């Protein structure tokens, strides 16, 4: 067959999306068969795990606070087990740059001087078919050294060329989470999990080359909620390595602890992945969103103040990060801090200087707490974060030897929000509205990472914005000026903020406003805002809606 038609079936895999240039290099018959085998081995168990997520949220809504698990006490109490030692290219991770896998971002990240590039196919990438397949092409080209990029014409023309491989960061791919379907790739008539597709195509095409270059196939695992989901991924790794004849333990994975339930099973997650585990990451934005989502109907005890007041200095966030470092270093795994989300300002030197100082202070705290590295969202902040970690690490590549035995595991501290200080303000509501609408609008046009008010926003921060508004309305929260946060008042503010937006030809603000209103003000609470957005605007084929996380609104917890 010379080209893909609108719907093509190869080796039992049906592709329903419109083809893009060069996709045949990625969607080869052998690669599709590989993805299909991973899918068939895990699809049933994955669906059971998604249903278990829904049941767990319902239990929490009824008052069942998470606790450390009694049935896994033997894992936590055994002092002897360790994860695999750091893999080549992952010994020094003091600065990790994160960003999507579009061509320009790929070149910038690989030339940034960071130690690691988190090549993101999740929260900072709009999961259109074009973005996903082009991202795979870009990753393939980067490893082959053929991803030079030119932008502009004439005097404004810029050429971007890659540094030699040995001068680039180690690439770590973040596939989509288990909850996200890929409805443009069907196996036996069912959508493949987005994460299985992303992992499978990247691993199939690049694992051998990465090993030959002295690194390996490395991954970040997002949105994991418990040890059983980590076990599923470990089984995927074992099967993938066997199918390609790659030694077991070659794959390494860092798990984002970005859900509240995962925070109670950090050592168990490392245990399940122990032959493939590289570390844990404190994914702070999704973590805050997860707290709001799970406890959104539990009353004032779980109502948080404005997003910008929920800093890493809040006691419940300190408990989360310190216990993460302890769990990691106790088991020989890296602890990676959260993002420095600032982006440089060309027009406001004072704001830029303030952002640099804030970033350095934030990352210095991470280093002093025992983290082995942290994220940045922009290349200009690489040196700032490096300086912060250098001041603590010196010549050492990491601080795995710092065990943080002074930290006592405390499950109650993880959800004790009573000490969280701050207020809800009208400005905070307006900011959530602006960020939510502007982010969704950009996402709908194909860009999953956007700078808004000096911060790099992605799907996680948009989730905080809409879920805070939903919770404040449900709880009839009161602002610092004594105003009750009602749906009617927020609708008025939404109208005002919408009319302030600067419109342009081809913008998607009307769609963004409609979607934001649905996920922030509706009686039902979609589990992820990207799910209705994907189903309505990005998916080229409707497919059968059989995913709990994709289409099941939580009606029993509806706002009134």
Protein backbone atom coordinates (compact mmCIF):
# COMPACT_ATOMS: atom_id res chain seq x y z
CA UNK A 1 0.00 0.00 0.00
CA UNK A 2 1.49 3.34 -1.08
CA UNK A 3 -0.25 5.52 1.49
CA UNK A 4 -2.71 5.38 4.34
CA UNK A 5 -6.34 6.03 3.49
CA UNK A 6 -8.72 7.66 5.92
CA UNK A 7 -9.19 4.24 7.54
CA UNK A 8 -6.50 1.61 7.22
CA UNK A 9 -6.08 -1.72 9.01
CA UNK A 10 -2.65 -3.29 9.31
CA UNK A 11 -1.86 -6.33 11.48
CA UNK A 12 -5.15 -5.93 13.32
CA UNK A 13 -4.62 -2.23 14.04
CA UNK A 14 -7.02 0.26 12.46
CA UNK A 15 -5.90 3.84 11.90
CA UNK A 16 -8.87 6.16 11.43
CA UNK A 17 -7.20 9.59 11.30
CA UNK A 18 -6.27 11.56 8.22
CA UNK A 19 -2.66 10.69 7.32
CA UNK A 20 0.19 13.13 7.83
CA UNK A 21 3.52 13.36 6.05
CA UNK A 22 6.06 10.67 6.98
CA UNK A 23 3.70 8.76 9.26
CA UNK A 24 4.64 5.54 7.45
CA UNK A 25 8.07 5.82 9.12
CA UNK A 26 6.36 5.48 12.50
CA UNK A 27 3.28 3.37 11.74
CA UNK A 28 5.15 0.45 10.24
CA UNK A 29 3.47 -2.97 10.24
CA UNK A 30 5.93 -4.33 12.83
CA UNK A 31 5.51 -1.30 15.10
CA UNK A 32 1.72 -1.56 14.95
CA UNK A 33 1.82 -5.26 15.72
CA UNK A 34 4.06 -4.47 18.71
CA UNK A 35 1.59 -1.89 20.06
CA UNK A 36 -1.29 -4.31 19.50
CA UNK A 37 0.45 -7.00 21.55
CA UNK A 38 1.01 -4.58 24.43
CA UNK A 39 -2.62 -3.48 24.22
CA UNK A 40 -4.09 -6.98 24.19
CA UNK A 41 -1.96 -8.01 27.16
CA UNK A 42 -3.15 -5.11 29.32
CA UNK A 43 -6.51 -3.76 28.08
CA UNK A 44 -8.79 -5.72 30.40
CA UNK A 45 -6.70 -5.03 33.51
CA UNK A 46 -6.36 -1.36 32.57
CA UNK A 47 -10.13 -1.03 32.39
CA UNK A 48 -10.48 -2.65 35.81
CA UNK A 49 -7.98 -0.18 37.23
CA UNK A 50 -9.91 2.77 35.77
CA UNK A 51 -13.09 1.48 37.35
CA UNK A 52 -11.22 1.11 40.65
CA UNK A 53 -10.21 4.78 40.43
CA UNK A 54 -13.83 5.78 40.20
CA UNK A 55 -14.77 3.56 43.15
CA UNK A 56 -11.92 5.00 45.24
CA UNK A 57 -13.05 8.56 44.58
CA UNK A 58 -16.57 7.62 45.60
CA UNK A 59 -15.23 6.13 48.84
CA UNK A 60 -13.28 9.32 49.59
CA UNK A 61 -16.38 11.41 48.88
CA UNK A 62 -18.26 9.37 51.48
CA UNK A 63 -15.64 10.24 54.10
CA UNK A 64 -13.05 7.48 53.67
CA UNK A 65 -9.79 9.36 54.04
CA UNK A 66 -6.75 7.64 52.50
CA UNK A 67 -4.27 6.05 54.90
CA UNK A 68 -1.07 4.02 54.61
CA UNK A 69 -2.05 0.49 53.61
CA UNK A 70 -1.98 -2.24 56.24
CA UNK A 71 -1.62 -4.95 53.61
CA UNK A 72 1.69 -3.52 52.41
CA UNK A 73 3.30 -2.86 55.79
CA UNK A 74 5.86 -5.59 55.14
CA UNK A 75 7.11 -3.73 52.05
CA UNK A 76 7.45 -0.45 53.95
CA UNK A 77 8.99 -2.06 57.02
CA UNK A 78 11.59 -4.13 55.18
CA UNK A 79 14.77 -2.01 55.27
CA UNK A 80 16.74 -4.15 52.84
CA UNK A 81 15.27 -3.79 49.35
CA UNK A 82 16.46 -1.21 46.86
CA UNK A 83 15.54 -0.22 43.33
CA UNK A 84 17.99 -0.70 40.46
CA UNK A 85 21.05 1.59 40.55
CA UNK A 86 20.96 4.77 38.43
CA UNK A 87 21.15 4.01 34.73
CA UNK A 88 23.60 5.63 32.28
CA UNK A 89 22.61 9.24 31.71
CA UNK A 90 20.48 9.36 34.87
CA UNK A 91 23.17 9.65 37.54
CA UNK A 92 23.10 13.47 37.59
CA UNK A 93 19.61 14.96 37.17
CA UNK A 94 20.01 18.30 38.89
CA UNK A 95 18.28 20.22 36.08
CA UNK A 96 15.51 18.74 33.97
CA UNK A 97 13.80 20.76 31.27
CA UNK A 98 10.24 19.88 30.35
CA UNK A 99 8.36 20.71 27.20
CA UNK A 100 6.36 19.31 24.29
CA UNK A 101 7.82 17.34 21.41
CA UNK A 102 7.13 19.81 18.61
CA UNK A 103 10.17 20.47 16.45
CA UNK A 104 11.22 23.85 17.85
CA UNK A 105 10.76 22.80 21.49
CA UNK A 106 12.72 19.61 20.84
CA UNK A 107 15.71 21.48 19.46
CA UNK A 108 15.60 24.13 22.21
CA UNK A 109 15.38 21.51 24.96
CA UNK A 110 18.21 19.40 23.58
CA UNK A 111 20.40 22.52 23.30
CA UNK A 112 19.40 23.92 26.70
CA UNK A 113 22.31 22.63 28.79
CA UNK A 114 19.97 20.75 31.14
CA UNK A 115 20.87 17.27 32.35
CA UNK A 116 17.56 15.69 31.32
CA UNK A 117 14.86 16.55 28.80
CA UNK A 118 11.36 15.45 29.74
CA UNK A 119 9.98 14.95 26.23
CA UNK A 120 6.32 15.51 26.96
CA UNK A 121 3.48 13.84 25.10
CA UNK A 122 1.10 14.49 27.98
CA UNK A 123 0.09 17.72 29.76
CA UNK A 124 2.00 20.17 27.56
CA UNK A 125 1.00 18.58 24.24
CA UNK A 126 -2.44 18.84 22.66
CA UNK A 127 -3.08 15.17 21.76
CA UNK A 128 -4.12 15.69 18.15
CA UNK A 129 -3.11 12.92 15.78
CA UNK A 130 -0.81 15.31 13.94
CA UNK A 131 0.95 16.41 17.14
CA UNK A 132 1.40 12.86 18.39
CA UNK A 133 2.77 11.34 15.20
CA UNK A 134 4.88 14.40 14.36
CA UNK A 135 6.26 14.20 17.91
CA UNK A 136 7.33 10.60 17.30
CA UNK A 137 8.97 11.69 14.03
CA UNK A 138 10.79 14.50 15.84
CA UNK A 139 12.11 12.11 18.48
CA UNK A 140 13.28 9.72 15.78
CA UNK A 141 14.97 12.54 13.87
CA UNK A 142 16.63 13.88 17.02
CA UNK A 143 18.31 10.54 17.67
CA UNK A 144 19.45 10.41 14.06
CA UNK A 145 20.77 13.96 14.31
CA UNK A 146 18.52 15.32 11.59
CA UNK A 147 16.18 17.73 13.32
CA UNK A 148 17.55 21.14 12.37
CA UNK A 149 14.82 23.78 12.40
CA UNK A 150 14.42 27.11 10.60
CA UNK A 151 11.93 29.81 11.54
CA UNK A 152 11.16 33.11 9.81
CA UNK A 153 12.47 34.72 6.65
CA UNK A 154 14.97 37.43 5.80
CA UNK A 155 16.47 39.41 8.70
CA UNK A 156 14.28 37.56 11.23
CA UNK A 157 15.33 34.11 10.00
CA UNK A 158 16.59 31.84 12.77
CA UNK A 159 18.27 28.49 12.37
CA UNK A 160 18.24 25.92 15.15
CA UNK A 161 20.78 23.09 15.01
CA UNK A 162 21.37 20.30 17.48
CA UNK A 163 24.48 19.97 19.58
CA UNK A 164 26.36 16.66 19.37
CA UNK A 165 24.65 13.79 21.20
CA UNK A 166 27.18 13.74 24.06
CA UNK A 167 26.38 17.40 24.86
CA UNK A 168 22.62 16.94 24.94
CA UNK A 169 20.38 16.14 27.91
CA UNK A 170 19.25 12.57 28.47
CA UNK A 171 15.83 12.12 26.88
CA UNK A 172 13.04 10.81 29.11
CA UNK A 173 9.66 10.40 27.40
CA UNK A 174 6.42 11.15 29.23
CA UNK A 175 3.60 9.23 27.52
CA UNK A 176 -0.04 9.98 28.14
CA UNK A 177 -1.72 8.60 31.27
CA UNK A 178 -3.63 5.34 31.41
CA UNK A 179 -6.97 7.15 31.41
CA UNK A 180 -6.53 8.75 27.99
CA UNK A 181 -7.76 6.75 24.99
CA UNK A 182 -6.37 7.09 21.48
CA UNK A 183 -9.51 6.82 19.41
CA UNK A 184 -7.68 7.14 16.13
CA UNK A 185 -5.89 3.83 16.73
CA UNK A 186 -8.11 0.81 17.29
CA UNK A 187 -7.17 -2.75 18.13
CA UNK A 188 -9.96 -5.29 17.74
CA UNK A 189 -12.33 -2.34 17.37
CA UNK A 190 -11.36 -0.72 20.67
CA UNK A 191 -9.23 2.40 21.25
CA UNK A 192 -5.68 1.78 22.39
CA UNK A 193 -4.64 3.52 25.59
CA UNK A 194 -2.84 6.72 24.63
CA UNK A 195 0.05 5.91 26.93
CA UNK A 196 0.48 2.43 25.46
CA UNK A 197 0.62 3.90 21.95
CA UNK A 198 3.10 6.62 22.93
CA UNK A 199 5.34 4.21 24.84
CA UNK A 200 5.10 1.42 22.28
CA UNK A 201 5.96 3.46 19.19
CA UNK A 202 8.84 5.27 20.89
CA UNK A 203 10.28 2.11 22.43
CA UNK A 204 9.97 0.07 19.24
CA UNK A 205 11.75 2.60 17.05
CA UNK A 206 14.34 4.00 19.46
CA UNK A 207 15.27 1.54 22.21
CA UNK A 208 18.12 -0.17 20.35
CA UNK A 209 19.54 3.14 19.11
CA UNK A 210 19.42 4.67 22.61
CA UNK A 211 21.25 1.68 24.06
CA UNK A 212 23.89 1.85 21.34
CA UNK A 213 24.44 5.53 22.15
CA UNK A 214 25.12 4.69 25.79
CA UNK A 215 21.77 5.60 27.33
CA UNK A 216 18.54 3.65 27.25
CA UNK A 217 14.76 3.92 26.86
CA UNK A 218 13.68 6.03 29.81
CA UNK A 219 10.20 7.21 30.78
CA UNK A 220 8.16 9.41 33.11
CA UNK A 221 4.87 7.80 34.18
CA UNK A 222 2.04 10.31 34.79
CA UNK A 223 -1.25 10.20 36.71
CA UNK A 224 -0.54 6.92 38.53
CA UNK A 225 -2.91 6.54 41.47
CA UNK A 226 -1.65 3.41 43.25
CA UNK A 227 0.80 0.51 43.28
CA UNK A 228 -1.41 -1.68 41.08
CA UNK A 229 -1.18 0.83 38.26
CA UNK A 230 2.60 0.83 38.69
CA UNK A 231 2.47 -2.98 38.48
CA UNK A 232 0.62 -2.74 35.19
CA UNK A 233 3.31 -0.48 33.74
CA UNK A 234 6.01 -2.83 35.03
CA UNK A 235 4.33 -5.71 33.22
CA UNK A 236 4.25 -3.59 30.05
CA UNK A 237 8.00 -2.99 30.41
CA UNK A 238 8.74 -6.70 30.94
CA UNK A 239 6.70 -7.70 27.90
CA UNK A 240 8.17 -4.95 25.69
CA UNK A 241 11.74 -5.92 26.54
CA UNK A 242 11.01 -9.61 25.91
CA UNK A 243 9.35 -8.92 22.55
CA UNK A 244 12.39 -6.99 21.27
CA UNK A 245 15.02 -9.16 22.96
CA UNK A 246 16.27 -6.35 25.19
CA UNK A 247 17.65 -7.31 28.64
CA UNK A 248 15.23 -6.92 31.52
CA UNK A 249 15.90 -3.79 33.57
CA UNK A 250 17.06 -1.74 30.58
CA UNK A 251 13.94 0.44 30.77
CA UNK A 252 13.93 2.96 33.60
CA UNK A 253 10.90 4.91 34.77
CA UNK A 254 10.39 7.88 37.05
CA UNK A 255 6.89 8.08 38.50
CA UNK A 256 5.17 11.40 39.02
CA UNK A 257 3.58 11.47 42.45
CA UNK A 258 0.87 13.82 41.30
CA UNK A 259 -2.24 12.19 42.73
CA UNK A 260 -3.16 12.25 46.39
CA UNK A 261 -3.76 8.50 46.54
CA UNK A 262 -0.29 7.74 45.13
CA UNK A 263 1.25 9.80 47.94
CA UNK A 264 0.13 7.10 50.38
CA UNK A 265 1.86 4.35 48.36
CA UNK A 266 5.20 5.85 47.33
CA UNK A 267 7.39 3.01 48.57
CA UNK A 268 4.94 0.44 47.21
CA UNK A 269 5.10 2.08 43.77
CA UNK A 270 8.89 1.88 43.86
CA UNK A 271 8.64 -1.75 44.94
CA UNK A 272 6.40 -2.69 42.01
CA UNK A 273 8.78 -1.05 39.56
CA UNK A 274 11.97 -1.85 41.46
CA UNK A 275 13.89 -3.41 38.54
CA UNK A 276 12.90 -0.47 36.33
CA UNK A 277 12.49 2.36 38.85
CA UNK A 278 14.60 5.50 38.49
CA UNK A 279 12.84 7.74 40.99
CA UNK A 280 9.79 9.78 41.94
CA UNK A 281 8.88 13.32 40.99
CA UNK A 282 6.88 15.83 43.04
CA UNK A 283 4.33 16.87 40.39
CA UNK A 284 2.92 19.70 42.46
CA UNK A 285 0.26 21.14 40.12
CA UNK A 286 -1.49 17.88 39.34
CA UNK A 287 -1.14 16.95 43.00
CA UNK A 288 -3.07 20.04 44.08
CA UNK A 289 -5.68 19.33 41.40
CA UNK A 290 -5.99 15.75 42.65
CA UNK A 291 -6.65 16.93 46.21
CA UNK A 292 -9.37 19.28 45.01
CA UNK A 293 -10.91 16.63 42.74
CA UNK A 294 -11.03 13.91 45.37
CA UNK A 295 -12.18 16.07 48.30
CA UNK A 296 -14.22 18.66 46.43
CA UNK A 297 -17.50 17.80 48.18
CA UNK A 298 -16.08 17.26 51.67
CA UNK A 299 -16.73 20.75 52.98
CA UNK A 300 -14.61 23.61 54.37
CA UNK A 301 -11.90 21.28 55.71
CA UNK A 302 -10.67 20.72 52.15
CA UNK A 303 -11.23 24.14 50.57
CA UNK A 304 -7.96 25.71 49.43
CA UNK A 305 -7.22 29.41 48.98
CA UNK A 306 -6.24 31.09 45.70
CA UNK A 307 -3.90 28.97 43.63
CA UNK A 308 -0.91 31.34 43.97
CA UNK A 309 -1.16 31.03 47.76
CA UNK A 310 -0.86 27.22 47.71
CA UNK A 311 2.93 27.23 47.74
CA UNK A 312 5.43 24.54 48.60
CA UNK A 313 5.82 26.20 52.01
CA UNK A 314 2.28 25.18 53.06
CA UNK A 315 2.55 22.43 55.71
CA UNK A 316 0.61 19.77 53.78
CA UNK A 317 2.83 20.37 50.74
CA UNK A 318 5.95 20.19 52.92
CA UNK A 319 4.74 16.84 54.28
CA UNK A 320 4.30 15.57 50.73
CA UNK A 321 7.73 16.60 49.47
CA UNK A 322 9.72 15.60 52.54
CA UNK A 323 8.09 12.17 52.69
CA UNK A 324 8.80 11.76 48.98
CA UNK A 325 12.51 12.44 49.45
CA UNK A 326 12.64 10.03 52.38
CA UNK A 327 10.88 7.25 50.44
CA UNK A 328 13.15 7.68 47.42
CA UNK A 329 16.51 7.82 49.16
CA UNK A 330 15.63 5.01 51.52
CA UNK A 331 15.24 2.83 48.43
CA UNK A 332 18.08 4.21 46.31
CA UNK A 333 15.82 6.16 43.95
CA UNK A 334 16.18 9.75 42.74
CA UNK A 335 13.86 12.43 44.13
CA UNK A 336 13.08 15.10 41.56
CA UNK A 337 11.44 18.39 42.53
CA UNK A 338 8.61 20.16 40.79
CA UNK A 339 8.69 22.75 38.04
CA UNK A 340 10.07 26.25 38.00
CA UNK A 341 7.17 27.49 35.90
CA UNK A 342 8.31 31.06 35.27
CA UNK A 343 9.07 32.23 31.74
CA UNK A 344 11.36 35.19 31.05
CA UNK A 345 9.87 38.60 30.36
CA UNK A 346 11.47 40.64 27.58
CA UNK A 347 9.33 43.70 28.30
CA UNK A 348 9.55 43.83 32.09
CA UNK A 349 13.11 43.51 33.47
CA UNK A 350 11.89 44.01 37.04
CA UNK A 351 9.41 41.14 36.76
CA UNK A 352 12.10 39.01 35.17
CA UNK A 353 14.54 39.70 38.01
CA UNK A 354 11.85 38.86 40.55
CA UNK A 355 11.08 35.58 38.76
CA UNK A 356 14.76 34.62 38.78
CA UNK A 357 15.04 35.28 42.50
CA UNK A 358 11.85 33.36 43.26
CA UNK A 359 12.99 30.43 41.16
CA UNK A 360 16.37 30.27 42.85
CA UNK A 361 14.80 30.39 46.32
CA UNK A 362 12.29 27.67 45.41
CA UNK A 363 14.92 25.34 43.96
CA UNK A 364 17.40 26.04 46.74
CA UNK A 365 14.74 24.84 49.17
CA UNK A 366 14.33 21.68 47.06
CA UNK A 367 18.08 21.04 47.12
CA UNK A 368 18.32 21.66 50.87
CA UNK A 369 15.38 19.30 51.45
CA UNK A 370 17.32 16.53 49.74
CA UNK A 371 15.97 16.52 46.19
CA UNK A 372 18.42 15.41 43.51
CA UNK A 373 17.13 17.82 40.87
CA UNK A 374 14.16 19.84 39.68
CA UNK A 375 12.33 20.92 36.54
CA UNK A 376 12.43 24.10 34.52
CA UNK A 377 9.96 25.13 31.82
CA UNK A 378 12.25 27.50 29.91
CA UNK A 379 15.93 27.24 28.86
CA UNK A 380 16.81 30.60 30.42
CA UNK A 381 16.13 29.18 33.88
CA UNK A 382 18.49 26.21 33.49
CA UNK A 383 21.48 28.09 34.91
CA UNK A 384 19.45 29.46 37.82
CA UNK A 385 18.33 26.00 38.92
CA UNK A 386 21.78 24.55 38.31
CA UNK A 387 23.36 27.20 40.54
CA UNK A 388 20.87 26.40 43.31
CA UNK A 389 21.66 22.69 43.23
CA UNK A 390 25.40 23.24 42.75
CA UNK A 391 25.46 25.23 45.99
CA UNK A 392 24.24 22.14 47.84
CA UNK A 393 25.57 19.22 45.78
CA UNK A 394 28.93 20.66 44.87
CA UNK A 395 30.74 18.06 42.75
CA UNK A 396 28.42 15.22 43.80
CA UNK A 397 26.03 14.03 41.05
CA UNK A 398 23.17 13.55 43.53
CA UNK A 399 22.46 13.19 47.22
CA UNK A 400 21.11 9.66 47.40
CA UNK A 401 23.19 9.24 50.55
CA UNK A 402 21.01 11.79 52.38
CA UNK A 403 18.35 9.50 53.81
CA UNK A 404 16.20 12.09 55.60
CA UNK A 405 15.77 9.80 58.60
CA UNK A 406 14.55 12.87 60.47
CA UNK A 407 11.29 12.69 58.47
CA UNK A 408 8.64 10.52 60.09
CA UNK A 409 6.05 9.07 57.67
CA UNK A 410 2.73 10.67 58.56
CA UNK A 411 -0.34 9.84 56.49
CA UNK A 412 -2.56 12.33 58.30
CA UNK A 413 -0.22 15.21 57.53
CA UNK A 414 -0.68 14.60 53.80
CA UNK A 415 -4.34 15.64 53.95
CA UNK A 416 -4.26 18.00 56.90
CA UNK A 417 -5.26 21.22 55.17
CA UNK A 418 -6.24 22.93 58.42
CA UNK A 419 -2.84 24.63 58.59
CA UNK A 420 -3.05 25.92 55.01
CA UNK A 421 -3.15 29.70 55.29
CA UNK A 422 -4.62 32.00 52.68
CA UNK A 423 -7.77 33.56 51.32
CA UNK A 424 -10.10 33.29 48.37
CA UNK A 425 -10.24 36.55 46.46
CA UNK A 426 -12.16 37.97 43.54
CA UNK A 427 -8.80 38.44 41.83
CA UNK A 428 -8.11 34.73 42.30
CA UNK A 429 -11.44 33.80 40.74
CA UNK A 430 -10.82 36.10 37.80
CA UNK A 431 -7.31 34.69 37.37
CA UNK A 432 -8.67 31.13 37.31
CA UNK A 433 -11.19 32.15 34.66
CA UNK A 434 -8.58 33.87 32.50
CA UNK A 435 -6.05 31.05 32.78
CA UNK A 436 -8.71 28.42 32.11
CA UNK A 437 -10.17 30.06 29.02
CA UNK A 438 -6.86 31.18 27.55
CA UNK A 439 -5.25 27.80 28.09
CA UNK A 440 -8.16 25.85 26.60
CA UNK A 441 -8.25 28.20 23.60
CA UNK A 442 -4.58 27.61 22.91
CA UNK A 443 -4.98 23.87 23.49
CA UNK A 444 -7.79 23.73 20.92
CA UNK A 445 -5.47 25.35 18.37
CA UNK A 446 -2.91 22.62 18.97
CA UNK A 447 -0.55 24.08 21.57
CA UNK A 448 -0.60 22.41 24.98
CA UNK A 449 1.85 24.77 26.73
CA UNK A 450 1.32 28.52 26.86
CA UNK A 451 2.81 31.43 28.80
CA UNK A 452 0.14 33.38 30.69
CA UNK A 453 1.04 36.22 33.06
CA UNK A 454 4.67 35.13 33.23
CA UNK A 455 3.99 31.46 33.99
CA UNK A 456 4.11 28.43 31.72
CA UNK A 457 0.66 26.90 31.95
CA UNK A 458 -0.26 23.38 30.95
CA UNK A 459 -3.24 21.09 31.42
CA UNK A 460 -2.50 20.62 35.13
CA UNK A 461 -2.75 24.33 35.97
CA UNK A 462 -5.91 24.67 33.88
CA UNK A 463 -7.33 21.78 35.90
CA UNK A 464 -6.60 23.63 39.15
CA UNK A 465 -8.30 26.74 37.76
CA UNK A 466 -11.56 25.05 36.82
CA UNK A 467 -11.72 22.65 39.79
CA UNK A 468 -11.17 25.42 42.33
CA UNK A 469 -14.10 27.35 40.90
CA UNK A 470 -16.28 24.23 40.91
CA UNK A 471 -15.40 23.48 44.55
CA UNK A 472 -15.81 27.07 45.74
CA UNK A 473 -19.31 27.18 44.24
CA UNK A 474 -20.24 23.81 45.72
CA UNK A 475 -18.94 24.79 49.17
CA UNK A 476 -20.42 28.31 48.99
CA UNK A 477 -16.98 29.56 49.91
CA UNK A 478 -16.59 33.14 51.10
CA UNK A 479 -14.02 35.57 49.74
CA UNK A 480 -11.83 37.85 51.80
CA UNK A 481 -14.42 40.58 51.12
CA UNK A 482 -17.31 38.51 52.46
CA UNK A 483 -18.77 37.61 49.04
CA UNK A 484 -20.30 34.14 48.71
CA UNK A 485 -18.93 32.38 45.63
CA UNK A 486 -22.14 31.54 43.80
CA UNK A 487 -22.64 30.24 40.29
CA UNK A 488 -24.48 33.42 39.33
CA UNK A 489 -21.64 35.66 40.49
CA UNK A 490 -18.98 33.55 38.76
CA UNK A 491 -21.03 33.66 35.55
CA UNK A 492 -20.96 37.47 35.75
CA UNK A 493 -17.20 37.44 36.23
CA UNK A 494 -16.87 34.96 33.37
CA UNK A 495 -18.74 37.34 31.07
CA UNK A 496 -16.52 40.24 32.12
CA UNK A 497 -13.26 38.33 31.68
CA UNK A 498 -14.36 36.90 28.36
CA UNK A 499 -15.06 40.35 26.94
CA UNK A 500 -11.59 41.54 28.01
CA UNK A 501 -9.89 38.94 25.82
CA UNK A 502 -8.18 40.24 22.71
CA UNK A 503 -9.74 38.38 19.78
CA UNK A 504 -8.05 37.49 16.48
CA UNK A 505 -8.88 35.68 13.28
CA UNK A 506 -9.10 31.96 13.81
CA UNK A 507 -9.24 32.11 17.59
CA UNK A 508 -11.16 29.44 19.52
CA UNK A 509 -12.29 31.57 22.45
CA UNK A 510 -15.99 30.82 22.01
CA UNK A 511 -15.33 27.09 22.10
CA UNK A 512 -12.99 27.60 25.05
CA UNK A 513 -15.57 29.60 26.98
CA UNK A 514 -18.24 26.97 26.38
CA UNK A 515 -15.95 24.16 27.51
CA UNK A 516 -14.68 26.05 30.55
CA UNK A 517 -18.23 26.83 31.62
CA UNK A 518 -19.12 23.17 31.31
CA UNK A 519 -16.20 21.83 33.38
CA UNK A 520 -16.10 24.64 35.97
CA UNK A 521 -19.76 25.56 36.42
CA UNK A 522 -21.67 22.43 35.42
CA UNK A 523 -23.57 20.20 37.81
CA UNK A 524 -21.39 17.30 36.72
CA UNK A 525 -17.63 17.20 37.27
CA UNK A 526 -15.68 15.65 34.37
CA UNK A 527 -12.72 13.75 35.77
CA UNK A 528 -10.35 15.56 33.39
CA UNK A 529 -11.22 18.62 31.31
CA UNK A 530 -9.15 17.25 28.42
CA UNK A 531 -11.53 14.31 28.01
CA UNK A 532 -14.60 16.21 26.75
CA UNK A 533 -12.25 18.53 24.83
CA UNK A 534 -10.59 15.56 23.11
CA UNK A 535 -13.84 13.77 22.33
CA UNK A 536 -15.54 16.89 20.98
CA UNK A 537 -12.82 18.69 19.08
CA UNK A 538 -9.78 16.47 18.40
CA UNK A 539 -10.91 12.92 17.78
CA UNK A 540 -11.46 12.25 14.09
CA UNK A 541 -13.64 9.24 14.79
CA UNK A 542 -16.25 8.99 17.53
CA UNK A 543 -15.57 5.39 18.50
CA UNK A 544 -17.36 3.63 21.32
CA UNK A 545 -17.24 5.44 24.64
CA UNK A 546 -16.22 2.69 27.04
CA UNK A 547 -13.64 4.42 29.21
CA UNK A 548 -14.59 5.30 32.78
CA UNK A 549 -12.12 8.13 32.93
CA UNK A 550 -13.13 9.40 29.51
CA UNK A 551 -16.85 9.67 29.80
CA UNK A 552 -18.29 8.98 33.21
CA UNK A 553 -19.32 12.18 35.02
CA UNK A 554 -19.63 11.82 38.75
CA UNK A 555 -23.32 12.62 39.11
CA UNK A 556 -23.67 11.39 42.66
CA UNK A 557 -21.42 14.24 43.77
CA UNK A 558 -23.10 16.89 41.62
CA UNK A 559 -23.18 20.50 42.76
CA UNK A 560 -26.55 21.98 43.61
